[in-house]
Amino acid sequence: MSSLSPLVATLNVAVGGAAGAALRYQTGRAVTGWVGPKAASTFPWATLTVNLVGCLLMGALAGWLARHGGANSEQWRLLLGVGLLGGFTTFSAFSLEMMLLIERGQIGQSLLYAFVSVMAGLVGLYIGLYAVRLVS
């Protein structure tokens, strides 16, 4: 259990999340500027970049915290993992959870989690779009 108060824990997540969201936006702008608006409109280069960079950073953070986190590891996890990288990309959290399932030998659960996450996400998005189109 965390020694941080719920308020301090929440503030860590909020500060990290705000920074992560801003970094996501600026990364998207930079990638679009780099590949050009035409390429950016035909393939989601910005999102792919954010997801891959976020996964790399989440892996590095998880590895570092496991070896060197010490007494402040929960605060760093909340600020950087849940907050910063969560605001930057939730795909990094999804990938970390998938890897933890795989490392624990829960291959079936990891495949189920991936399938349900992607398919239910797509279905939810479709339902939301359809509902708005019905009332618009």
Protein backbone atom coordinates (compact mmCIF):
# COMPACT_ATOMS: atom_id res chain seq x y z
CA MET A 1 0.00 0.00 0.00
CA SER A 2 1.22 3.49 -0.82
CA SER A 3 2.48 5.71 1.98
CA LEU A 4 1.24 8.70 -0.03
CA SER A 5 -2.01 10.30 0.99
CA PRO A 6 -4.81 9.98 -1.59
CA LEU A 7 -4.53 13.74 -2.26
CA VAL A 8 -0.77 13.64 -2.89
CA ALA A 9 -1.14 10.51 -5.04
CA THR A 10 -3.89 12.19 -7.08
CA LEU A 11 -1.82 15.36 -7.50
CA ASN A 12 1.11 13.28 -8.76
CA VAL A 13 -1.13 11.66 -11.36
CA ALA A 14 -2.73 14.99 -12.33
CA VAL A 15 0.56 16.86 -12.76
CA GLY A 16 2.11 14.00 -14.72
CA GLY A 17 -1.05 13.57 -16.79
CA ALA A 18 -1.17 17.24 -17.75
CA ALA A 19 2.46 17.15 -18.84
CA GLY A 20 1.89 13.89 -20.75
CA ALA A 21 -1.14 15.25 -22.59
CA ALA A 22 0.80 18.36 -23.61
CA LEU A 23 3.72 16.20 -24.78
CA ARG A 24 1.33 14.03 -26.79
CA TYR A 25 -0.11 17.08 -28.52
CA GLN A 26 3.32 18.55 -29.28
CA THR A 27 4.66 15.19 -30.48
CA GLY A 28 1.68 14.88 -32.82
CA ARG A 29 2.34 18.36 -34.20
CA ALA A 30 6.04 17.60 -34.67
CA VAL A 31 5.41 14.28 -36.43
CA THR A 32 2.81 15.87 -38.70
CA GLY A 33 5.28 18.63 -39.54
CA TRP A 34 7.97 16.05 -40.23
CA VAL A 35 5.95 13.68 -42.45
CA GLY A 36 3.78 16.43 -43.92
CA PRO A 37 0.03 16.97 -43.74
CA LYS A 38 -0.74 14.67 -46.68
CA ALA A 39 1.11 11.69 -45.20
CA ALA A 40 -0.35 12.44 -41.76
CA SER A 41 -3.87 12.35 -43.19
CA THR A 42 -3.38 8.99 -44.93
CA PHE A 43 -1.78 7.09 -42.02
CA PRO A 44 -1.82 7.78 -38.25
CA TRP A 45 1.92 8.43 -37.97
CA ALA A 46 1.57 10.70 -34.94
CA THR A 47 -0.43 8.18 -32.92
CA LEU A 48 1.90 5.35 -33.92
CA THR A 49 4.91 7.41 -32.85
CA VAL A 50 3.34 8.32 -29.50
CA ASN A 51 2.36 4.70 -28.84
CA LEU A 52 5.79 3.29 -29.67
CA VAL A 53 7.71 5.96 -27.75
CA GLY A 54 5.32 5.59 -24.81
CA CYS A 55 5.84 1.82 -24.73
CA LEU A 56 9.61 2.21 -24.84
CA LEU A 57 9.51 4.72 -21.99
CA MET A 58 7.05 2.61 -19.95
CA GLY A 59 9.35 -0.40 -20.26
CA ALA A 60 12.36 1.66 -19.21
CA LEU A 61 10.43 3.13 -16.27
CA ALA A 62 9.10 -0.25 -15.11
CA GLY A 63 12.59 -1.76 -15.31
CA TRP A 64 14.19 1.16 -13.50
CA LEU A 65 11.57 1.20 -10.75
CA ALA A 66 11.92 -2.56 -10.24
CA ARG A 67 15.68 -2.24 -9.73
CA HIS A 68 16.21 1.23 -8.31
CA GLY A 69 12.82 2.62 -7.24
CA GLY A 70 13.47 2.54 -3.52
CA ALA A 71 11.29 4.32 -1.02
CA ASN A 72 9.88 6.76 -3.57
CA SER A 73 9.00 4.17 -6.21
CA GLU A 74 5.25 4.56 -5.74
CA GLN A 75 5.45 8.32 -6.16
CA TRP A 76 7.57 7.94 -9.33
CA ARG A 77 5.17 5.28 -10.64
CA LEU A 78 2.20 7.56 -10.13
CA LEU A 79 3.88 10.70 -11.48
CA LEU A 80 5.67 9.19 -14.46
CA GLY A 81 3.88 5.91 -15.24
CA VAL A 82 0.23 6.59 -14.47
CA GLY A 83 0.41 10.36 -14.95
CA LEU A 84 2.99 11.36 -17.57
CA LEU A 85 2.92 8.22 -19.71
CA GLY A 86 -0.80 7.71 -19.08
CA GLY A 87 -1.44 11.21 -20.39
CA PHE A 88 0.98 10.65 -23.25
CA THR A 89 -0.52 7.32 -24.30
CA THR A 90 -2.72 4.74 -22.62
CA PHE A 91 -1.30 2.21 -25.06
CA SER A 92 1.86 2.10 -22.94
CA ALA A 93 -0.16 1.05 -19.89
CA PHE A 94 -2.01 -1.55 -21.97
CA SER A 95 1.33 -2.91 -23.23
CA LEU A 96 2.78 -3.07 -19.72
CA GLU A 97 -0.28 -4.97 -18.47
CA MET A 98 -0.03 -7.35 -21.43
CA MET A 99 3.65 -8.00 -20.69
CA LEU A 100 2.93 -8.65 -17.01
CA LEU A 101 0.31 -11.24 -17.98
CA ILE A 102 2.74 -12.85 -20.44
CA GLU A 103 5.60 -12.89 -17.91
CA ARG A 104 3.30 -14.58 -15.37
CA GLY A 105 2.57 -17.28 -17.95
CA GLN A 106 -1.02 -16.15 -18.40
CA ILE A 107 -0.87 -16.32 -22.20
CA GLY A 108 -4.57 -17.08 -22.63
CA GLN A 109 -5.57 -14.14 -20.44
CA SER A 110 -3.17 -11.84 -22.28
CA LEU A 111 -4.67 -12.81 -25.64
CA LEU A 112 -8.18 -12.41 -24.26
CA TYR A 113 -7.28 -9.00 -22.82
CA ALA A 114 -5.83 -7.85 -26.16
CA PHE A 115 -8.78 -9.15 -28.17
CA VAL A 116 -11.44 -7.75 -25.85
CA SER A 117 -9.64 -4.40 -25.50
CA VAL A 118 -9.35 -3.87 -29.24
CA MET A 119 -12.69 -5.32 -30.29
CA ALA A 120 -14.76 -3.83 -27.46
CA GLY A 121 -13.01 -0.51 -28.02
CA LEU A 122 -13.96 -0.56 -31.68
CA VAL A 123 -17.53 -1.61 -30.89
CA GLY A 124 -17.82 1.13 -28.26
CA LEU A 125 -16.49 3.71 -30.69
CA TYR A 126 -18.92 2.56 -33.37
CA ILE A 127 -21.88 2.70 -30.96
CA GLY A 128 -20.89 6.20 -29.84
CA LEU A 129 -20.55 7.41 -33.44
CA TYR A 130 -23.82 5.77 -34.45
CA ALA A 131 -25.69 7.24 -31.46
CA VAL A 132 -24.50 10.76 -32.25
CA ARG A 133 -25.38 10.35 -35.91
CA LEU A 134 -28.87 9.21 -34.95
CA VAL A 135 -29.58 12.30 -32.89
CA SER A 136 -27.78 14.78 -35.13
